[in-house]
Amino acid sequence: MIIDKYENHPQSINEGKLLPILSNQKMNGYLKEIATVCDVEKELTFHIARHTFATTVTLTNGVPIESVSKMLGHKNLKTTQHYAKILDKKVSEDMMVLRNKFALKNSTIESTKSN
């Protein structure tokens, strides 16, 4: 429905894009307006939104950094690493997964030995 809505938008047609692209300034203005309406006191910016998407939404939910890089439109991984710093929580969760795998493997070995 969104793609259909902007199919004949002048900016989309002129630039050969699927959707019109807003400037950072315009996007930041809209984010400020949304924050005001929602009583959010923290300053919202497009940069903060990208960083939050990269860290909180994708990386902490197991999306590989290479995929995040592609989603953000970066040409190389170093640029993504600027936005997507691995959070301590994510590292901790990954270590717990590894620990559980080793524990399961060890319990299987112990079970086999006792039989």
PDB file of N, CA and C in Angstrom:
ATOM      1  N   MET A   1       0.822  -1.193   0.000  1.00  0.00           N
ATOM      2  CA  MET A   1       0.000   0.000   0.000  1.00  0.00           C
ATOM      3  C   MET A   1       0.866   1.256   0.000  1.00  0.00           C
ATOM      4  N   ILE A   2       1.987   1.204   0.756  1.00  0.00           N
ATOM      5  CA  ILE A   2       2.874   2.377   0.806  1.00  0.00           C
ATOM      6  C   ILE A   2       3.509   2.611  -0.567  1.00  0.00           C
ATOM      7  N   ILE A   3       3.975   1.533  -1.189  1.00  0.00           N
ATOM      8  CA  ILE A   3       4.602   1.669  -2.513  1.00  0.00           C
ATOM      9  C   ILE A   3       3.594   2.213  -3.519  1.00  0.00           C
ATOM     10  N   ASP A   4       2.368   1.703  -3.455  1.00  0.00           N
ATOM     11  CA  ASP A   4       1.325   2.193  -4.358  1.00  0.00           C
ATOM     12  C   ASP A   4       1.032   3.675  -4.126  1.00  0.00           C
ATOM     13  N   LYS A   5       1.044   4.075  -2.856  1.00  0.00           N
ATOM     14  CA  LYS A   5       0.743   5.470  -2.507  1.00  0.00           C
ATOM     15  C   LYS A   5       1.733   6.436  -3.162  1.00  0.00           C
ATOM     16  N   TYR A   6       3.000   6.045  -3.241  1.00  0.00           N
ATOM     17  CA  TYR A   6       4.039   6.941  -3.763  1.00  0.00           C
ATOM     18  C   TYR A   6       4.438   6.642  -5.211  1.00  0.00           C
ATOM     19  N   GLU A   7       3.690   5.779  -5.862  1.00  0.00           N
ATOM     20  CA  GLU A   7       4.017   5.370  -7.230  1.00  0.00           C
ATOM     21  C   GLU A   7       4.120   6.562  -8.188  1.00  0.00           C
ATOM     22  N   ASN A   8       3.235   7.537  -8.039  1.00  0.00           N
ATOM     23  CA  ASN A   8       3.227   8.700  -8.947  1.00  0.00           C
ATOM     24  C   ASN A   8       3.724   9.972  -8.270  1.00  0.00           C
ATOM     25  N   HIS A   9       4.439   9.828  -7.170  1.00  0.00           N
ATOM     26  CA  HIS A   9       4.973  10.995  -6.469  1.00  0.00           C
ATOM     27  C   HIS A   9       6.047  11.637  -7.353  1.00  0.00           C
ATOM     28  N   PRO A  10       6.007  12.960  -7.530  1.00  0.00           N
ATOM     29  CA  PRO A  10       6.964  13.633  -8.433  1.00  0.00           C
ATOM     30  C   PRO A  10       8.428  13.336  -8.114  1.00  0.00           C
ATOM     31  N   GLN A  11       8.799  13.341  -6.833  1.00  0.00           N
ATOM     32  CA  GLN A  11      10.198  13.081  -6.480  1.00  0.00           C
ATOM     33  C   GLN A  11      10.594  11.646  -6.833  1.00  0.00           C
ATOM     34  N   SER A  12       9.699  10.691  -6.588  1.00  0.00           N
ATOM     35  CA  SER A  12       9.981   9.293  -6.933  1.00  0.00           C
ATOM     36  C   SER A  12      10.195   9.135  -8.431  1.00  0.00           C
ATOM     37  N   ILE A  13       9.346   9.781  -9.202  1.00  0.00           N
ATOM     38  CA  ILE A  13       9.445   9.703 -10.666  1.00  0.00           C
ATOM     39  C   ILE A  13      10.728  10.377 -11.155  1.00  0.00           C
ATOM     40  N   ASN A  14      10.998  11.615 -10.683  1.00  0.00           N
ATOM     41  CA  ASN A  14      12.174  12.375 -11.129  1.00  0.00           C
ATOM     42  C   ASN A  14      13.483  11.682 -10.796  1.00  0.00           C
ATOM     43  N   GLU A  15      13.551  11.049  -9.627  1.00  0.00           N
ATOM     44  CA  GLU A  15      14.797  10.425  -9.183  1.00  0.00           C
ATOM     45  C   GLU A  15      14.856   8.933  -9.482  1.00  0.00           C
ATOM     46  N   GLY A  16      13.797   8.380 -10.051  1.00  0.00           N
ATOM     47  CA  GLY A  16      13.778   6.959 -10.380  1.00  0.00           C
ATOM     48  C   GLY A  16      13.850   6.069  -9.137  1.00  0.00           C
ATOM     49  N   LYS A  17      13.250   6.558  -8.061  1.00  0.00           N
ATOM     50  CA  LYS A  17      13.264   5.820  -6.786  1.00  0.00           C
ATOM     51  C   LYS A  17      11.872   5.269  -6.504  1.00  0.00           C
ATOM     52  N   LEU A  18      11.819   4.201  -5.733  1.00  0.00           N
ATOM     53  CA  LEU A  18      10.551   3.607  -5.347  1.00  0.00           C
ATOM     54  C   LEU A  18       9.772   4.512  -4.398  1.00  0.00           C
ATOM     55  N   LEU A  19      10.502   5.163  -3.489  1.00  0.00           N
ATOM     56  CA  LEU A  19       9.905   6.068  -2.509  1.00  0.00           C
ATOM     57  C   LEU A  19      10.672   7.385  -2.505  1.00  0.00           C
ATOM     58  N   PRO A  20      10.000   8.491  -2.180  1.00  0.00           N
ATOM     59  CA  PRO A  20      10.731   9.758  -2.067  1.00  0.00           C
ATOM     60  C   PRO A  20      11.677   9.718  -0.870  1.00  0.00           C
ATOM     61  N   ILE A  21      12.834  10.330  -1.013  1.00  0.00           N
ATOM     62  CA  ILE A  21      13.841  10.353   0.042  1.00  0.00           C
ATOM     63  C   ILE A  21      13.827  11.733   0.691  1.00  0.00           C
ATOM     64  N   LEU A  22      13.620  11.762   2.009  1.00  0.00           N
ATOM     65  CA  LEU A  22      13.620  13.029   2.734  1.00  0.00           C
ATOM     66  C   LEU A  22      15.044  13.407   3.112  1.00  0.00           C
ATOM     67  N   SER A  23      15.304  14.692   3.221  1.00  0.00           N
ATOM     68  CA  SER A  23      16.609  15.144   3.702  1.00  0.00           C
ATOM     69  C   SER A  23      16.694  14.855   5.203  1.00  0.00           C
ATOM     70  N   ASN A  24      17.918  14.764   5.727  1.00  0.00           N
ATOM     71  CA  ASN A  24      18.089  14.562   7.166  1.00  0.00           C
ATOM     72  C   ASN A  24      17.400  15.676   7.950  1.00  0.00           C
ATOM     73  N   GLN A  25      17.507  16.906   7.454  1.00  0.00           N
ATOM     74  CA  GLN A  25      16.905  18.058   8.128  1.00  0.00           C
ATOM     75  C   GLN A  25      15.387  17.883   8.232  1.00  0.00           C
ATOM     76  N   LYS A  26      14.756  17.492   7.141  1.00  0.00           N
ATOM     77  CA  LYS A  26      13.298  17.304   7.132  1.00  0.00           C
ATOM     78  C   LYS A  26      12.917  16.133   8.036  1.00  0.00           C
ATOM     79  N   MET A  27      13.660  15.038   7.949  1.00  0.00           N
ATOM     80  CA  MET A  27      13.390  13.865   8.779  1.00  0.00           C
ATOM     81  C   MET A  27      13.535  14.221  10.261  1.00  0.00           C
ATOM     82  N   ASN A  28      14.573  14.963  10.609  1.00  0.00           N
ATOM     83  CA  ASN A  28      14.777  15.367  12.007  1.00  0.00           C
ATOM     84  C   ASN A  28      13.636  16.249  12.495  1.00  0.00           C
ATOM     85  N   GLY A  29      13.112  17.085  11.618  1.00  0.00           N
ATOM     86  CA  GLY A  29      11.964  17.922  11.960  1.00  0.00           C
ATOM     87  C   GLY A  29      10.740  17.073  12.287  1.00  0.00           C
ATOM     88  N   TYR A  30      10.502  16.058  11.458  1.00  0.00           N
ATOM     89  CA  TYR A  30       9.373  15.157  11.707  1.00  0.00           C
ATOM     90  C   TYR A  30       9.571  14.367  13.001  1.00  0.00           C
ATOM     91  N   LEU A  31      10.797  13.903  13.239  1.00  0.00           N
ATOM     92  CA  LEU A  31      11.068  13.154  14.467  1.00  0.00           C
ATOM     93  C   LEU A  31      10.853  14.021  15.707  1.00  0.00           C
ATOM     94  N   LYS A  32      11.244  15.287  15.618  1.00  0.00           N
ATOM     95  CA  LYS A  32      11.031  16.214  16.737  1.00  0.00           C
ATOM     96  C   LYS A  32       9.541  16.399  17.001  1.00  0.00           C
ATOM     97  N   GLU A  33       8.788  16.505  15.918  1.00  0.00           N
ATOM     98  CA  GLU A  33       7.332  16.648  16.034  1.00  0.00           C
ATOM     99  C   GLU A  33       6.703  15.401  16.674  1.00  0.00           C
ATOM    100  N   ILE A  34       7.145  14.227  16.247  1.00  0.00           N
ATOM    101  CA  ILE A  34       6.640  12.967  16.816  1.00  0.00           C
ATOM    102  C   ILE A  34       6.988  12.886  18.300  1.00  0.00           C
ATOM    103  N   ALA A  35       8.215  13.249  18.644  1.00  0.00           N
ATOM    104  CA  ALA A  35       8.648  13.219  20.051  1.00  0.00           C
ATOM    105  C   ALA A  35       7.766  14.130  20.898  1.00  0.00           C
ATOM    106  N   THR A  36       7.452  15.297  20.383  1.00  0.00           N
ATOM    107  CA  THR A  36       6.600  16.237  21.118  1.00  0.00           C
ATOM    108  C   THR A  36       5.209  15.648  21.347  1.00  0.00           C
ATOM    109  N   VAL A  37       4.621  15.103  20.296  1.00  0.00           N
ATOM    110  CA  VAL A  37       3.276  14.519  20.393  1.00  0.00           C
ATOM    111  C   VAL A  37       3.253  13.343  21.376  1.00  0.00           C
ATOM    112  N   CYS A  38       4.346  12.575  21.407  1.00  0.00           N
ATOM    113  CA  CYS A  38       4.409  11.379  22.257  1.00  0.00           C
ATOM    114  C   CYS A  38       5.037  11.646  23.624  1.00  0.00           C
ATOM    115  N   ASP A  39       5.292  12.907  23.945  1.00  0.00           N
ATOM    116  CA  ASP A  39       5.909  13.289  25.222  1.00  0.00           C
ATOM    117  C   ASP A  39       7.258  12.596  25.457  1.00  0.00           C
ATOM    118  N   VAL A  40       8.033  12.432  24.387  1.00  0.00           N
ATOM    119  CA  VAL A  40       9.386  11.881  24.494  1.00  0.00           C
ATOM    120  C   VAL A  40      10.326  13.057  24.708  1.00  0.00           C
ATOM    121  N   GLU A  41      11.039  13.037  25.833  1.00  0.00           N
ATOM    122  CA  GLU A  41      11.907  14.170  26.162  1.00  0.00           C
ATOM    123  C   GLU A  41      13.285  14.076  25.516  1.00  0.00           C
ATOM    124  N   LYS A  42      13.703  12.874  25.152  1.00  0.00           N
ATOM    125  CA  LYS A  42      15.012  12.690  24.515  1.00  0.00           C
ATOM    126  C   LYS A  42      14.961  13.237  23.089  1.00  0.00           C
ATOM    127  N   GLU A  43      16.062  13.863  22.673  1.00  0.00           N
ATOM    128  CA  GLU A  43      16.151  14.364  21.307  1.00  0.00           C
ATOM    129  C   GLU A  43      16.209  13.182  20.337  1.00  0.00           C
ATOM    130  N   LEU A  44      15.355  13.191  19.355  1.00  0.00           N
ATOM    131  CA  LEU A  44      15.351  12.147  18.334  1.00  0.00           C
ATOM    132  C   LEU A  44      15.919  12.717  17.051  1.00  0.00           C
ATOM    133  N   THR A  45      16.848  11.963  16.440  1.00  0.00           N
ATOM    134  CA  THR A  45      17.409  12.368  15.152  1.00  0.00           C
ATOM    135  C   THR A  45      17.483  11.144  14.256  1.00  0.00           C
ATOM    136  N   PHE A  46      17.647  11.398  12.975  1.00  0.00           N
ATOM    137  CA  PHE A  46      17.783  10.306  12.019  1.00  0.00           C
ATOM    138  C   PHE A  46      19.003   9.450  12.360  1.00  0.00           C
ATOM    139  N   HIS A  47      20.080  10.093  12.779  1.00  0.00           N
ATOM    140  CA  HIS A  47      21.298   9.365  13.153  1.00  0.00           C
ATOM    141  C   HIS A  47      21.022   8.421  14.327  1.00  0.00           C
ATOM    142  N   ILE A  48      20.339   8.925  15.342  1.00  0.00           N
ATOM    143  CA  ILE A  48      20.001   8.095  16.507  1.00  0.00           C
ATOM    144  C   ILE A  48      19.098   6.937  16.079  1.00  0.00           C
ATOM    145  N   ALA A  49      18.156   7.212  15.178  1.00  0.00           N
ATOM    146  CA  ALA A  49      17.258   6.164  14.695  1.00  0.00           C
ATOM    147  C   ALA A  49      18.033   5.057  13.989  1.00  0.00           C
ATOM    148  N   ARG A  50      18.984   5.430  13.146  1.00  0.00           N
ATOM    149  CA  ARG A  50      19.799   4.422  12.433  1.00  0.00           C
ATOM    150  C   ARG A  50      20.634   3.603  13.410  1.00  0.00           C
ATOM    151  N   HIS A  51      21.213   4.293  14.383  1.00  0.00           N
ATOM    152  CA  HIS A  51      22.043   3.606  15.369  1.00  0.00           C
ATOM    153  C   HIS A  51      21.189   2.637  16.188  1.00  0.00           C
ATOM    154  N   THR A  52      20.025   3.080  16.623  1.00  0.00           N
ATOM    155  CA  THR A  52      19.126   2.224  17.399  1.00  0.00           C
ATOM    156  C   THR A  52      18.678   1.031  16.578  1.00  0.00           C
ATOM    157  N   PHE A  53      18.335   1.266  15.315  1.00  0.00           N
ATOM    158  CA  PHE A  53      17.948   0.167  14.438  1.00  0.00           C
ATOM    159  C   PHE A  53      19.081  -0.852  14.329  1.00  0.00           C
ATOM    160  N   ALA A  54      20.291  -0.356  14.096  1.00  0.00           N
ATOM    161  CA  ALA A  54      21.434  -1.247  13.903  1.00  0.00           C
ATOM    162  C   ALA A  54      21.741  -2.052  15.157  1.00  0.00           C
ATOM    163  N   THR A  55      21.684  -1.424  16.320  1.00  0.00           N
ATOM    164  CA  THR A  55      22.066  -2.129  17.558  1.00  0.00           C
ATOM    165  C   THR A  55      20.898  -2.857  18.191  1.00  0.00           C
ATOM    166  N   THR A  56      19.890  -2.115  18.598  1.00  0.00           N
ATOM    167  CA  THR A  56      18.795  -2.680  19.382  1.00  0.00           C
ATOM    168  C   THR A  56      17.878  -3.581  18.575  1.00  0.00           C
ATOM    169  N   VAL A  57      17.544  -3.164  17.379  1.00  0.00           N
ATOM    170  CA  VAL A  57      16.581  -3.927  16.592  1.00  0.00           C
ATOM    171  C   VAL A  57      17.225  -5.123  15.898  1.00  0.00           C
ATOM    172  N   THR A  58      18.386  -4.930  15.287  1.00  0.00           N
ATOM    173  CA  THR A  58      18.951  -6.010  14.470  1.00  0.00           C
ATOM    174  C   THR A  58      20.002  -6.844  15.197  1.00  0.00           C
ATOM    175  N   LEU A  59      21.098  -6.227  15.589  1.00  0.00           N
ATOM    176  CA  LEU A  59      22.200  -7.007  16.163  1.00  0.00           C
ATOM    177  C   LEU A  59      21.816  -7.761  17.424  1.00  0.00           C
ATOM    178  N   THR A  60      21.075  -7.134  18.319  1.00  0.00           N
ATOM    179  CA  THR A  60      20.704  -7.835  19.555  1.00  0.00           C
ATOM    180  C   THR A  60      19.685  -8.931  19.310  1.00  0.00           C
ATOM    181  N   ASN A  61      19.123  -8.962  18.117  1.00  0.00           N
ATOM    182  CA  ASN A  61      18.188 -10.024  17.759  1.00  0.00           C
ATOM    183  C   ASN A  61      18.808 -11.033  16.796  1.00  0.00           C
ATOM    184  N   GLY A  62      20.139 -11.015  16.715  1.00  0.00           N
ATOM    185  CA  GLY A  62      20.851 -12.053  15.974  1.00  0.00           C
ATOM    186  C   GLY A  62      21.026 -11.828  14.488  1.00  0.00           C
ATOM    187  N   VAL A  63      20.721 -10.649  13.985  1.00  0.00           N
ATOM    188  CA  VAL A  63      20.918 -10.377  12.558  1.00  0.00           C
ATOM    189  C   VAL A  63      22.411 -10.155  12.324  1.00  0.00           C
ATOM    190  N   PRO A  64      23.016 -10.881  11.382  1.00  0.00           N
ATOM    191  CA  PRO A  64      24.456 -10.715  11.119  1.00  0.00           C
ATOM    192  C   PRO A  64      24.793  -9.296  10.683  1.00  0.00           C
ATOM    193  N   ILE A  65      25.971  -8.830  11.093  1.00  0.00           N
ATOM    194  CA  ILE A  65      26.386  -7.460  10.796  1.00  0.00           C
ATOM    195  C   ILE A  65      26.458  -7.208   9.285  1.00  0.00           C
ATOM    196  N   GLU A  66      26.755  -8.255   8.510  1.00  0.00           N
ATOM    197  CA  GLU A  66      26.790  -8.095   7.051  1.00  0.00           C
ATOM    198  C   GLU A  66      25.402  -7.732   6.519  1.00  0.00           C
ATOM    199  N   SER A  67      24.361  -8.355   7.080  1.00  0.00           N
ATOM    200  CA  SER A  67      22.989  -8.045   6.668  1.00  0.00           C
ATOM    201  C   SER A  67      22.607  -6.635   7.103  1.00  0.00           C
ATOM    202  N   VAL A  68      23.004  -6.262   8.318  1.00  0.00           N
ATOM    203  CA  VAL A  68      22.717  -4.919   8.826  1.00  0.00           C
ATOM    204  C   VAL A  68      23.374  -3.891   7.909  1.00  0.00           C
ATOM    205  N   SER A  69      24.603  -4.154   7.505  1.00  0.00           N
ATOM    206  CA  SER A  69      25.333  -3.257   6.616  1.00  0.00           C
ATOM    207  C   SER A  69      24.558  -3.033   5.319  1.00  0.00           C
ATOM    208  N   LYS A  70      24.044  -4.118   4.769  1.00  0.00           N
ATOM    209  CA  LYS A  70      23.273  -4.040   3.522  1.00  0.00           C
ATOM    210  C   LYS A  70      21.979  -3.246   3.749  1.00  0.00           C
ATOM    211  N   MET A  71      21.306  -3.502   4.883  1.00  0.00           N
ATOM    212  CA  MET A  71      20.054  -2.791   5.189  1.00  0.00           C
ATOM    213  C   MET A  71      20.282  -1.292   5.316  1.00  0.00           C
ATOM    214  N   LEU A  72      21.433  -0.920   5.869  1.00  0.00           N
ATOM    215  CA  LEU A  72      21.747   0.494   6.053  1.00  0.00           C
ATOM    216  C   LEU A  72      22.295   1.140   4.786  1.00  0.00           C
ATOM    217  N   GLY A  73      22.557   0.315   3.761  1.00  0.00           N
ATOM    218  CA  GLY A  73      23.047   0.842   2.489  1.00  0.00           C
ATOM    219  C   GLY A  73      24.515   1.184   2.494  1.00  0.00           C
ATOM    220  N   HIS A  74      25.280   0.551   3.375  1.00  0.00           N
ATOM    221  CA  HIS A  74      26.715   0.838   3.444  1.00  0.00           C
ATOM    222  C   HIS A  74      27.474   0.030   2.407  1.00  0.00           C
ATOM    223  N   LYS A  75      28.548   0.620   1.902  1.00  0.00           N
ATOM    224  CA  LYS A  75      29.364  -0.075   0.906  1.00  0.00           C
ATOM    225  C   LYS A  75      30.413  -0.976   1.555  1.00  0.00           C
ATOM    226  N   ASN A  76      30.825  -0.632   2.783  1.00  0.00           N
ATOM    227  CA  ASN A  76      31.771  -1.519   3.471  1.00  0.00           C
ATOM    228  C   ASN A  76      31.389  -1.683   4.935  1.00  0.00           C
ATOM    229  N   LEU A  77      31.873  -2.759   5.523  1.00  0.00           N
ATOM    230  CA  LEU A  77      31.509  -3.148   6.881  1.00  0.00           C
ATOM    231  C   LEU A  77      31.995  -2.158   7.933  1.00  0.00           C
ATOM    232  N   LYS A  78      33.114  -1.498   7.683  1.00  0.00           N
ATOM    233  CA  LYS A  78      33.654  -0.538   8.662  1.00  0.00           C
ATOM    234  C   LYS A  78      32.658   0.579   8.962  1.00  0.00           C
ATOM    235  N   THR A  79      31.938   1.009   7.950  1.00  0.00           N
ATOM    236  CA  THR A  79      30.937   2.051   8.158  1.00  0.00           C
ATOM    237  C   THR A  79      29.842   1.551   9.087  1.00  0.00           C
ATOM    238  N   THR A  80      29.420   0.317   8.902  1.00  0.00           N
ATOM    239  CA  THR A  80      28.370  -0.263   9.740  1.00  0.00           C
ATOM    240  C   THR A  80      28.846  -0.411  11.176  1.00  0.00           C
ATOM    241  N   GLN A  81      30.089  -0.771  11.354  1.00  0.00           N
ATOM    242  CA  GLN A  81      30.618  -0.950  12.704  1.00  0.00           C
ATOM    243  C   GLN A  81      30.552   0.358  13.483  1.00  0.00           C
ATOM    244  N   HIS A  82      30.598   1.480  12.794  1.00  0.00           N
ATOM    245  CA  HIS A  82      30.449   2.780  13.455  1.00  0.00           C
ATOM    246  C   HIS A  82      29.064   2.895  14.082  1.00  0.00           C
ATOM    247  N   TYR A  83      28.031   2.483  13.358  1.00  0.00           N
ATOM    248  CA  TYR A  83      26.663   2.543  13.860  1.00  0.00           C
ATOM    249  C   TYR A  83      26.368   1.379  14.806  1.00  0.00           C
ATOM    250  N   ALA A  84      26.877   0.229  14.472  1.00  0.00           N
ATOM    251  CA  ALA A  84      26.438  -1.001  15.120  1.00  0.00           C
ATOM    252  C   ALA A  84      27.488  -1.578  16.047  1.00  0.00           C
ATOM    253  N   LYS A  85      27.780  -0.876  17.110  1.00  0.00           N
ATOM    254  CA  LYS A  85      28.707  -1.389  18.101  1.00  0.00           C
ATOM    255  C   LYS A  85      28.037  -2.575  18.800  1.00  0.00           C
ATOM    256  N   ILE A  86      28.808  -3.653  18.924  1.00  0.00           N
ATOM    257  CA  ILE A  86      28.244  -4.831  19.577  1.00  0.00           C
ATOM    258  C   ILE A  86      28.015  -4.504  21.048  1.00  0.00           C
ATOM    259  N   LEU A  87      26.808  -4.712  21.483  1.00  0.00           N
ATOM    260  CA  LEU A  87      26.469  -4.407  22.863  1.00  0.00           C
ATOM    261  C   LEU A  87      26.939  -5.508  23.798  1.00  0.00           C
ATOM    262  N   ASP A  88      27.315  -5.131  25.032  1.00  0.00           N
ATOM    263  CA  ASP A  88      27.743  -6.104  26.027  1.00  0.00           C
ATOM    264  C   ASP A  88      26.675  -7.169  26.243  1.00  0.00           C
ATOM    265  N   LYS A  89      25.421  -6.759  26.212  1.00  0.00           N
ATOM    266  CA  LYS A  89      24.319  -7.707  26.400  1.00  0.00           C
ATOM    267  C   LYS A  89      24.351  -8.781  25.324  1.00  0.00           C
ATOM    268  N   LYS A  90      24.583  -8.389  24.082  1.00  0.00           N
ATOM    269  CA  LYS A  90      24.630  -9.335  22.969  1.00  0.00           C
ATOM    270  C   LYS A  90      25.783 -10.307  23.143  1.00  0.00           C
ATOM    271  N   VAL A  91      26.937  -9.813  23.538  1.00  0.00           N
ATOM    272  CA  VAL A  91      28.096 -10.678  23.757  1.00  0.00           C
ATOM    273  C   VAL A  91      27.777 -11.683  24.869  1.00  0.00           C
ATOM    274  N   SER A  92      27.164 -11.196  25.937  1.00  0.00           N
ATOM    275  CA  SER A  92      26.789 -12.060  27.056  1.00  0.00           C
ATOM    276  C   SER A  92      25.816 -13.150  26.605  1.00  0.00           C
ATOM    277  N   GLU A  93      24.818 -12.767  25.816  1.00  0.00           N
ATOM    278  CA  GLU A  93      23.847 -13.741  25.311  1.00  0.00           C
ATOM    279  C   GLU A  93      24.524 -14.781  24.423  1.00  0.00           C
ATOM    280  N   ASP A  94      25.439 -14.334  23.571  1.00  0.00           N
ATOM    281  CA  ASP A  94      26.154 -15.262  22.693  1.00  0.00           C
ATOM    282  C   ASP A  94      26.994 -16.244  23.502  1.00  0.00           C
ATOM    283  N   MET A  95      27.621 -15.748  24.564  1.00  0.00           N
ATOM    284  CA  MET A  95      28.420 -16.630  25.422  1.00  0.00           C
ATOM    285  C   MET A  95      27.530 -17.650  26.141  1.00  0.00           C
ATOM    286  N   MET A  96      26.333 -17.247  26.546  1.00  0.00           N
ATOM    287  CA  MET A  96      25.401 -18.174  27.199  1.00  0.00           C
ATOM    288  C   MET A  96      24.973 -19.282  26.234  1.00  0.00           C
ATOM    289  N   VAL A  97      24.742 -18.928  24.976  1.00  0.00           N
ATOM    290  CA  VAL A  97      24.390 -19.926  23.964  1.00  0.00           C
ATOM    291  C   VAL A  97      25.531 -20.928  23.824  1.00  0.00           C
ATOM    292  N   LEU A  98      26.744 -20.421  23.749  1.00  0.00           N
ATOM    293  CA  LEU A  98      27.913 -21.287  23.638  1.00  0.00           C
ATOM    294  C   LEU A  98      28.051 -22.176  24.871  1.00  0.00           C
ATOM    295  N   ARG A  99      27.886 -21.593  26.049  1.00  0.00           N
ATOM    296  CA  ARG A  99      27.976 -22.352  27.303  1.00  0.00           C
ATOM    297  C   ARG A  99      26.934 -23.477  27.336  1.00  0.00           C
ATOM    298  N   ASN A 100      25.714 -23.167  26.919  1.00  0.00           N
ATOM    299  CA  ASN A 100      24.652 -24.184  26.899  1.00  0.00           C
ATOM    300  C   ASN A 100      24.958 -25.307  25.920  1.00  0.00           C
ATOM    301  N   LYS A 101      25.561 -24.971  24.787  1.00  0.00           N
ATOM    302  CA  LYS A 101      25.938 -26.000  23.815  1.00  0.00           C
ATOM    303  C   LYS A 101      26.980 -26.943  24.407  1.00  0.00           C
ATOM    304  N   PHE A 102      27.984 -26.359  25.090  1.00  0.00           N
ATOM    305  CA  PHE A 102      29.008 -27.188  25.727  1.00  0.00           C
ATOM    306  C   PHE A 102      28.410 -28.034  26.848  1.00  0.00           C
ATOM    307  N   ALA A 103      27.507 -27.471  27.620  1.00  0.00           N
ATOM    308  CA  ALA A 103      26.876 -28.211  28.719  1.00  0.00           C
ATOM    309  C   ALA A 103      26.073 -29.379  28.169  1.00  0.00           C
ATOM    310  N   LEU A 104      25.341 -29.165  27.094  1.00  0.00           N
ATOM    311  CA  LEU A 104      24.560 -30.227  26.472  1.00  0.00           C
ATOM    312  C   LEU A 104      25.475 -31.321  25.933  1.00  0.00           C
ATOM    313  N   LYS A 105      26.563 -30.899  25.295  1.00  0.00           N
ATOM    314  CA  LYS A 105      27.521 -31.865  24.747  1.00  0.00           C
ATOM    315  C   LYS A 105      28.138 -32.697  25.864  1.00  0.00           C
ATOM    316  N   ASN A 106      28.537 -32.028  26.958  1.00  0.00           N
ATOM    317  CA  ASN A 106      29.141 -32.742  28.095  1.00  0.00           C
ATOM    318  C   ASN A 106      28.152 -33.690  28.756  1.00  0.00           C
ATOM    319  N   SER A 107      26.894 -33.292  28.885  1.00  0.00           N
ATOM    320  CA  SER A 107      25.905 -34.168  29.512  1.00  0.00           C
ATOM    321  C   SER A 107      25.631 -35.379  28.629  1.00  0.00           C
ATOM    322  N   THR A 108      25.680 -35.200  27.309  1.00  0.00           N
ATOM    323  CA  THR A 108      25.500 -36.324  26.379  1.00  0.00           C
ATOM    324  C   THR A 108      26.666 -37.295  26.509  1.00  0.00           C
ATOM    325  N   ILE A 109      27.869 -36.768  26.625  1.00  0.00           N
ATOM    326  CA  ILE A 109      29.066 -37.622  26.783  1.00  0.00           C
ATOM    327  C   ILE A 109      28.989 -38.373  28.102  1.00  0.00           C
ATOM    328  N   GLU A 110      28.636 -37.704  29.192  1.00  0.00           N
ATOM    329  CA  GLU A 110      28.514 -38.342  30.504  1.00  0.00           C
ATOM    330  C   GLU A 110      27.455 -39.417  30.500  1.00  0.00           C
ATOM    331  N   SER A 111      26.351 -39.155  29.815  1.00  0.00           N
ATOM    332  CA  SER A 111      25.254 -40.116  29.733  1.00  0.00           C
ATOM    333  C   SER A 111      25.698 -41.362  28.978  1.00  0.00           C
ATOM    334  N   THR A 112      26.471 -41.174  27.917  1.00  0.00           N
ATOM    335  CA  THR A 112      26.984 -42.282  27.128  1.00  0.00           C
ATOM    336  C   THR A 112      27.972 -43.117  27.932  1.00  0.00           C
ATOM    337  N   LYS A 113      28.824 -42.472  28.736  1.00  0.00           N
ATOM    338  CA  LYS A 113      29.799 -43.163  29.573  1.00  0.00           C
ATOM    339  C   LYS A 113      29.140 -44.026  30.637  1.00  0.00           C
ATOM    340  N   SER A 114      28.054 -43.548  31.201  1.00  0.00           N
ATOM    341  CA  SER A 114      27.411 -44.271  32.307  1.00  0.00           C
ATOM    342  C   SER A 114      26.599 -45.467  31.805  1.00  0.00           C
ATOM    343  N   ASN A 115      26.329 -45.524  30.519  1.00  0.00           N
ATOM    344  CA  ASN A 115      25.579 -46.669  29.951  1.00  0.00           C
ATOM    345  C   ASN A 115      26.546 -47.697  29.563  1.00  0.00           C
TER     346      ASN A 115
END
